[in-house]
Amino acid sequence: MDAEGKVGPQVLGDGSRGPFRMSRDASQINQDSHARYQEAVQRGSVFVASTGVAGVAPGTSLSTTPPFILYNPPSSGVELVIWRARIGYVSGTLGAGTIAYASGVQTSAPSGGTGLTPKNAKLGSGKATAATANQGGTITAPTILAPAFTLGAFLASTAAINPPLIDEVAGEFTVTPGTVFCMQGVTAAGSSPLVIFGVTWEEVPLI
């Protein structure tokens, strides 16, 4: 029996079956399904959290009070798949060094610090994340995962523009329940350096 297709976009529900898609000249269409992150975002499973716009000191060594913490509670029922991390310059003179990703086992929420408000990437969605984010809270001693960004001695009067630093993590790290993912500087002190940290992740149900 000859295979048949259907010309033009189709609207189908989850779990339904349909013919393959064809163009008006009867060619079978093979293309990206809309924007790269569109489906996961539309399903409400993608979240982003950032430190405050006033900025935070990036830190000078791995410690128990990282400037950015993403925490997955033991009872969340989901894994946090890290999609992307960012750093934006605010003010002061950065100290030369590295911003590192680190992680550790954490059975209770970080204490102290400043609680951050994660946003659903489907803007206007009321679906909340199972995770919590924190700036400067206290956690168990983390261990380094990998270097993420290299900082130089940049300051506001530097002639060259310092664009935001972006790492397309693309799922290389997944935060399981009872675990923290954090970002922290291993740098020279600089002079009153302030930056903004941001992380995007997808919540995926435990298998």
C-alpha atoms as a PDB file:
ATOM      1  CA  MET A   1       0.000   0.000   0.000  1.00  0.00           C
ATOM      2  CA  ASP A   2       1.330   3.423  -0.891  1.00  0.00           C
ATOM      3  CA  ALA A   3       2.210   5.681   2.020  1.00  0.00           C
ATOM      4  CA  GLU A   4       0.264   8.911   2.164  1.00  0.00           C
ATOM      5  CA  GLY A   5       1.097  12.243   3.709  1.00  0.00           C
ATOM      6  CA  LYS A   6      -0.797  15.379   4.558  1.00  0.00           C
ATOM      7  CA  VAL A   7       0.070  18.809   3.238  1.00  0.00           C
ATOM      8  CA  GLY A   8       0.568  21.572   5.792  1.00  0.00           C
ATOM      9  CA  PRO A   9       0.779  21.773   9.589  1.00  0.00           C
ATOM     10  CA  GLN A  10      -1.289  19.391  11.716  1.00  0.00           C
ATOM     11  CA  VAL A  11      -2.849  19.829  15.142  1.00  0.00           C
ATOM     12  CA  LEU A  12      -2.711  16.545  17.083  1.00  0.00           C
ATOM     13  CA  GLY A  13      -3.138  15.636  20.733  1.00  0.00           C
ATOM     14  CA  ASP A  14      -0.531  13.767  22.771  1.00  0.00           C
ATOM     15  CA  GLY A  15      -0.598  10.053  21.965  1.00  0.00           C
ATOM     16  CA  SER A  16      -2.476  10.436  18.671  1.00  0.00           C
ATOM     17  CA  ARG A  17      -1.200   9.180  15.329  1.00  0.00           C
ATOM     18  CA  GLY A  18      -1.147  11.043  12.050  1.00  0.00           C
ATOM     19  CA  PRO A  19       0.241  10.934   8.503  1.00  0.00           C
ATOM     20  CA  PHE A  20       3.693  12.294   7.768  1.00  0.00           C
ATOM     21  CA  ARG A  21       3.796  15.917   6.665  1.00  0.00           C
ATOM     22  CA  MET A  22       4.233  16.974   3.032  1.00  0.00           C
ATOM     23  CA  SER A  23       4.855  20.244   1.254  1.00  0.00           C
ATOM     24  CA  ARG A  24       2.672  21.526  -1.591  1.00  0.00           C
ATOM     25  CA  ASP A  25       5.038  19.992  -4.135  1.00  0.00           C
ATOM     26  CA  ALA A  26       4.548  16.543  -2.512  1.00  0.00           C
ATOM     27  CA  SER A  27       7.982  16.518  -0.864  1.00  0.00           C
ATOM     28  CA  GLN A  28       8.204  14.979   2.598  1.00  0.00           C
ATOM     29  CA  ILE A  29       9.063  17.687   5.126  1.00  0.00           C
ATOM     30  CA  ASN A  30      11.970  17.187   7.498  1.00  0.00           C
ATOM     31  CA  GLN A  31      12.773  20.244   9.617  1.00  0.00           C
ATOM     32  CA  ASP A  32      13.299  21.504  13.142  1.00  0.00           C
ATOM     33  CA  SER A  33      10.094  21.422  15.162  1.00  0.00           C
ATOM     34  CA  HIS A  34       9.823  25.173  15.811  1.00  0.00           C
ATOM     35  CA  ALA A  35      12.308  26.876  18.145  1.00  0.00           C
ATOM     36  CA  ARG A  36      14.957  24.836  19.940  1.00  0.00           C
ATOM     37  CA  TYR A  37      13.409  24.906  23.424  1.00  0.00           C
ATOM     38  CA  GLN A  38       9.798  25.577  22.502  1.00  0.00           C
ATOM     39  CA  GLU A  39       8.125  22.294  23.416  1.00  0.00           C
ATOM     40  CA  ALA A  40       9.661  21.922  26.865  1.00  0.00           C
ATOM     41  CA  VAL A  41       8.954  25.580  27.645  1.00  0.00           C
ATOM     42  CA  GLN A  42       5.336  25.349  26.455  1.00  0.00           C
ATOM     43  CA  ARG A  43       4.828  22.330  28.701  1.00  0.00           C
ATOM     44  CA  GLY A  44       5.881  24.456  31.658  1.00  0.00           C
ATOM     45  CA  SER A  45       8.841  22.347  32.759  1.00  0.00           C
ATOM     46  CA  VAL A  46      11.641  24.919  32.265  1.00  0.00           C
ATOM     47  CA  PHE A  47      12.687  27.399  34.945  1.00  0.00           C
ATOM     48  CA  VAL A  48      15.238  30.173  35.415  1.00  0.00           C
ATOM     49  CA  ALA A  49      16.676  31.803  38.534  1.00  0.00           C
ATOM     50  CA  SER A  50      19.045  34.728  38.930  1.00  0.00           C
ATOM     51  CA  THR A  51      20.689  36.570  41.760  1.00  0.00           C
ATOM     52  CA  GLY A  52      19.477  40.113  42.440  1.00  0.00           C
ATOM     53  CA  VAL A  53      20.084  43.021  40.086  1.00  0.00           C
ATOM     54  CA  ALA A  54      22.192  44.769  42.742  1.00  0.00           C
ATOM     55  CA  GLY A  55      24.812  42.077  42.148  1.00  0.00           C
ATOM     56  CA  VAL A  56      26.707  39.706  44.409  1.00  0.00           C
ATOM     57  CA  ALA A  57      30.416  39.171  45.029  1.00  0.00           C
ATOM     58  CA  PRO A  58      31.529  36.132  43.008  1.00  0.00           C
ATOM     59  CA  GLY A  59      33.729  34.815  45.832  1.00  0.00           C
ATOM     60  CA  THR A  60      37.388  33.884  46.008  1.00  0.00           C
ATOM     61  CA  SER A  61      37.334  30.163  46.899  1.00  0.00           C
ATOM     62  CA  LEU A  62      34.984  27.211  47.174  1.00  0.00           C
ATOM     63  CA  SER A  63      33.147  27.577  50.464  1.00  0.00           C
ATOM     64  CA  THR A  64      29.958  26.593  52.246  1.00  0.00           C
ATOM     65  CA  THR A  65      28.300  29.933  51.318  1.00  0.00           C
ATOM     66  CA  PRO A  66      28.246  30.098  47.494  1.00  0.00           C
ATOM     67  CA  PRO A  67      26.824  33.194  45.810  1.00  0.00           C
ATOM     68  CA  PHE A  68      24.427  31.021  43.763  1.00  0.00           C
ATOM     69  CA  ILE A  69      22.798  27.778  44.943  1.00  0.00           C
ATOM     70  CA  LEU A  70      20.235  25.597  43.180  1.00  0.00           C
ATOM     71  CA  TYR A  71      18.774  23.010  45.565  1.00  0.00           C
ATOM     72  CA  ASN A  72      16.711  19.935  44.715  1.00  0.00           C
ATOM     73  CA  PRO A  73      14.856  18.719  47.836  1.00  0.00           C
ATOM     74  CA  PRO A  74      14.951  14.962  48.606  1.00  0.00           C
ATOM     75  CA  SER A  75      11.180  14.599  48.104  1.00  0.00           C
ATOM     76  CA  SER A  76      10.905  16.629  44.871  1.00  0.00           C
ATOM     77  CA  GLY A  77      10.217  13.673  42.577  1.00  0.00           C
ATOM     78  CA  VAL A  78      12.162  15.358  39.759  1.00  0.00           C
ATOM     79  CA  GLU A  79      15.673  15.828  38.454  1.00  0.00           C
ATOM     80  CA  LEU A  80      16.936  19.274  37.477  1.00  0.00           C
ATOM     81  CA  VAL A  81      18.660  19.132  34.097  1.00  0.00           C
ATOM     82  CA  ILE A  82      20.950  22.156  33.788  1.00  0.00           C
ATOM     83  CA  TRP A  83      20.515  23.836  30.405  1.00  0.00           C
ATOM     84  CA  ARG A  84      22.478  27.059  30.672  1.00  0.00           C
ATOM     85  CA  ALA A  85      24.438  29.271  33.065  1.00  0.00           C
ATOM     86  CA  ARG A  86      25.186  32.981  32.781  1.00  0.00           C
ATOM     87  CA  ILE A  87      27.189  35.688  34.490  1.00  0.00           C
ATOM     88  CA  GLY A  88      26.692  39.408  33.932  1.00  0.00           C
ATOM     89  CA  TYR A  89      28.988  42.182  35.178  1.00  0.00           C
ATOM     90  CA  VAL A  90      27.489  44.842  37.493  1.00  0.00           C
ATOM     91  CA  SER A  91      30.266  46.932  39.021  1.00  0.00           C
ATOM     92  CA  GLY A  92      33.662  47.027  40.719  1.00  0.00           C
ATOM     93  CA  THR A  93      36.914  45.447  39.573  1.00  0.00           C
ATOM     94  CA  LEU A  94      36.751  41.727  38.950  1.00  0.00           C
ATOM     95  CA  GLY A  95      39.533  39.574  40.295  1.00  0.00           C
ATOM     96  CA  ALA A  96      41.282  37.317  37.789  1.00  0.00           C
ATOM     97  CA  GLY A  97      40.401  33.660  38.166  1.00  0.00           C
ATOM     98  CA  THR A  98      37.693  31.097  37.475  1.00  0.00           C
ATOM     99  CA  ILE A  99      34.020  30.710  38.209  1.00  0.00           C
ATOM    100  CA  ALA A 100      33.492  27.040  39.042  1.00  0.00           C
ATOM    101  CA  TYR A 101      30.528  24.703  39.086  1.00  0.00           C
ATOM    102  CA  ALA A 102      30.353  22.691  42.292  1.00  0.00           C
ATOM    103  CA  SER A 103      27.964  20.264  43.943  1.00  0.00           C
ATOM    104  CA  GLY A 104      27.291  18.377  47.150  1.00  0.00           C
ATOM    105  CA  VAL A 105      24.784  16.237  48.993  1.00  0.00           C
ATOM    106  CA  GLN A 106      22.200  18.363  50.808  1.00  0.00           C
ATOM    107  CA  THR A 107      19.393  16.742  52.787  1.00  0.00           C
ATOM    108  CA  SER A 108      17.831  19.989  54.045  1.00  0.00           C
ATOM    109  CA  ALA A 109      17.342  23.409  52.531  1.00  0.00           C
ATOM    110  CA  PRO A 110      20.307  25.829  52.636  1.00  0.00           C
ATOM    111  CA  SER A 111      20.184  27.955  55.770  1.00  0.00           C
ATOM    112  CA  GLY A 112      20.374  31.716  55.799  1.00  0.00           C
ATOM    113  CA  GLY A 113      21.321  33.709  52.750  1.00  0.00           C
ATOM    114  CA  THR A 114      18.772  35.305  50.439  1.00  0.00           C
ATOM    115  CA  GLY A 115      16.049  33.193  48.884  1.00  0.00           C
ATOM    116  CA  LEU A 116      15.704  33.743  45.142  1.00  0.00           C
ATOM    117  CA  THR A 117      12.455  33.428  43.173  1.00  0.00           C
ATOM    118  CA  PRO A 118      12.693  31.014  40.230  1.00  0.00           C
ATOM    119  CA  LYS A 119      10.567  31.921  37.218  1.00  0.00           C
ATOM    120  CA  ASN A 120       8.799  29.572  34.853  1.00  0.00           C
ATOM    121  CA  ALA A 121      10.217  30.114  31.355  1.00  0.00           C
ATOM    122  CA  LYS A 122       6.635  29.990  30.091  1.00  0.00           C
ATOM    123  CA  LEU A 123       6.069  33.569  31.180  1.00  0.00           C
ATOM    124  CA  GLY A 124       2.770  34.019  32.961  1.00  0.00           C
ATOM    125  CA  SER A 125       2.507  30.335  33.867  1.00  0.00           C
ATOM    126  CA  GLY A 126       1.456  29.555  37.407  1.00  0.00           C
ATOM    127  CA  LYS A 127       3.372  26.285  37.519  1.00  0.00           C
ATOM    128  CA  ALA A 128       6.007  26.407  40.267  1.00  0.00           C
ATOM    129  CA  THR A 129       9.319  24.621  40.449  1.00  0.00           C
ATOM    130  CA  ALA A 130      10.084  21.893  42.972  1.00  0.00           C
ATOM    131  CA  ALA A 131      13.557  23.400  43.422  1.00  0.00           C
ATOM    132  CA  THR A 132      14.717  26.355  45.489  1.00  0.00           C
ATOM    133  CA  ALA A 133      17.417  28.893  44.667  1.00  0.00           C
ATOM    134  CA  ASN A 134      19.497  30.858  47.133  1.00  0.00           C
ATOM    135  CA  GLN A 135      22.177  33.538  47.255  1.00  0.00           C
ATOM    136  CA  GLY A 136      24.828  33.171  49.933  1.00  0.00           C
ATOM    137  CA  GLY A 137      23.106  30.493  52.021  1.00  0.00           C
ATOM    138  CA  THR A 138      25.007  27.863  53.975  1.00  0.00           C
ATOM    139  CA  ILE A 139      25.335  24.345  52.557  1.00  0.00           C
ATOM    140  CA  THR A 140      27.503  21.318  53.204  1.00  0.00           C
ATOM    141  CA  ALA A 141      31.005  21.659  51.753  1.00  0.00           C
ATOM    142  CA  PRO A 142      30.720  21.394  47.941  1.00  0.00           C
ATOM    143  CA  THR A 143      33.272  19.821  45.628  1.00  0.00           C
ATOM    144  CA  ILE A 144      34.207  21.172  42.240  1.00  0.00           C
ATOM    145  CA  LEU A 145      32.609  19.736  39.103  1.00  0.00           C
ATOM    146  CA  ALA A 146      34.306  21.803  36.413  1.00  0.00           C
ATOM    147  CA  PRO A 147      35.599  25.279  35.581  1.00  0.00           C
ATOM    148  CA  ALA A 148      32.880  27.338  33.941  1.00  0.00           C
ATOM    149  CA  PHE A 149      34.088  30.890  33.198  1.00  0.00           C
ATOM    150  CA  THR A 150      37.436  32.665  33.251  1.00  0.00           C
ATOM    151  CA  LEU A 151      37.469  36.205  34.646  1.00  0.00           C
ATOM    152  CA  GLY A 152      40.041  38.892  34.012  1.00  0.00           C
ATOM    153  CA  ALA A 153      40.711  42.118  35.893  1.00  0.00           C
ATOM    154  CA  PHE A 154      37.784  43.924  34.254  1.00  0.00           C
ATOM    155  CA  LEU A 155      36.329  47.162  35.639  1.00  0.00           C
ATOM    156  CA  ALA A 156      33.667  49.646  34.612  1.00  0.00           C
ATOM    157  CA  SER A 157      36.126  52.057  32.944  1.00  0.00           C
ATOM    158  CA  THR A 158      37.646  49.369  30.719  1.00  0.00           C
ATOM    159  CA  ALA A 159      37.287  50.490  27.098  1.00  0.00           C
ATOM    160  CA  ALA A 160      36.277  47.083  25.756  1.00  0.00           C
ATOM    161  CA  ILE A 161      32.702  45.954  26.425  1.00  0.00           C
ATOM    162  CA  ASN A 162      32.487  42.843  28.586  1.00  0.00           C
ATOM    163  CA  PRO A 163      29.448  40.893  27.314  1.00  0.00           C
ATOM    164  CA  PRO A 164      27.521  38.444  29.504  1.00  0.00           C
ATOM    165  CA  LEU A 165      29.289  35.097  29.878  1.00  0.00           C
ATOM    166  CA  ILE A 166      27.084  32.198  28.760  1.00  0.00           C
ATOM    167  CA  ASP A 167      27.730  28.461  29.042  1.00  0.00           C
ATOM    168  CA  GLU A 168      25.415  26.151  27.123  1.00  0.00           C
ATOM    169  CA  VAL A 169      25.602  23.337  29.657  1.00  0.00           C
ATOM    170  CA  ALA A 170      23.058  21.360  27.601  1.00  0.00           C
ATOM    171  CA  GLY A 171      22.301  18.734  30.245  1.00  0.00           C
ATOM    172  CA  GLU A 172      25.886  17.847  31.110  1.00  0.00           C
ATOM    173  CA  PHE A 173      24.905  18.073  34.789  1.00  0.00           C
ATOM    174  CA  THR A 174      21.680  16.809  36.373  1.00  0.00           C
ATOM    175  CA  VAL A 175      20.783  17.702  39.956  1.00  0.00           C
ATOM    176  CA  THR A 176      19.171  14.702  41.641  1.00  0.00           C
ATOM    177  CA  PRO A 177      16.948  14.966  44.735  1.00  0.00           C
ATOM    178  CA  GLY A 178      18.941  15.807  47.864  1.00  0.00           C
ATOM    179  CA  THR A 179      21.690  17.587  45.920  1.00  0.00           C
ATOM    180  CA  VAL A 180      22.835  21.166  45.338  1.00  0.00           C
ATOM    181  CA  PHE A 181      24.374  22.733  42.246  1.00  0.00           C
ATOM    182  CA  CYS A 182      26.272  25.962  42.870  1.00  0.00           C
ATOM    183  CA  MET A 183      28.456  28.557  41.164  1.00  0.00           C
ATOM    184  CA  GLN A 184      31.324  30.256  42.954  1.00  0.00           C
ATOM    185  CA  GLY A 185      34.472  32.186  42.125  1.00  0.00           C
ATOM    186  CA  VAL A 186      37.987  30.910  42.678  1.00  0.00           C
ATOM    187  CA  THR A 187      39.525  34.267  41.958  1.00  0.00           C
ATOM    188  CA  ALA A 188      41.636  37.129  43.226  1.00  0.00           C
ATOM    189  CA  ALA A 189      39.690  39.494  45.461  1.00  0.00           C
ATOM    190  CA  GLY A 190      39.471  42.372  42.993  1.00  0.00           C
ATOM    191  CA  SER A 191      37.921  45.573  44.297  1.00  0.00           C
ATOM    192  CA  SER A 192      34.252  45.334  45.339  1.00  0.00           C
ATOM    193  CA  PRO A 193      33.306  43.113  42.362  1.00  0.00           C
ATOM    194  CA  LEU A 194      29.592  42.514  41.794  1.00  0.00           C
ATOM    195  CA  VAL A 195      28.022  40.210  39.214  1.00  0.00           C
ATOM    196  CA  ILE A 196      24.673  38.561  38.474  1.00  0.00           C
ATOM    197  CA  PHE A 197      24.469  34.770  38.264  1.00  0.00           C
ATOM    198  CA  GLY A 198      21.694  33.024  36.327  1.00  0.00           C
ATOM    199  CA  VAL A 199      20.821  29.373  35.633  1.00  0.00           C
ATOM    200  CA  THR A 200      18.188  27.748  33.416  1.00  0.00           C
ATOM    201  CA  TRP A 201      17.037  24.166  34.027  1.00  0.00           C
ATOM    202  CA  GLU A 202      14.348  21.670  33.020  1.00  0.00           C
ATOM    203  CA  GLU A 203      12.476  19.559  35.554  1.00  0.00           C
ATOM    204  CA  VAL A 204      12.241  15.936  34.469  1.00  0.00           C
ATOM    205  CA  PRO A 205      10.258  13.310  36.435  1.00  0.00           C
ATOM    206  CA  LEU A 206      12.354  10.594  38.083  1.00  0.00           C
ATOM    207  CA  ILE A 207      12.618   7.444  36.017  1.00  0.00           C
END
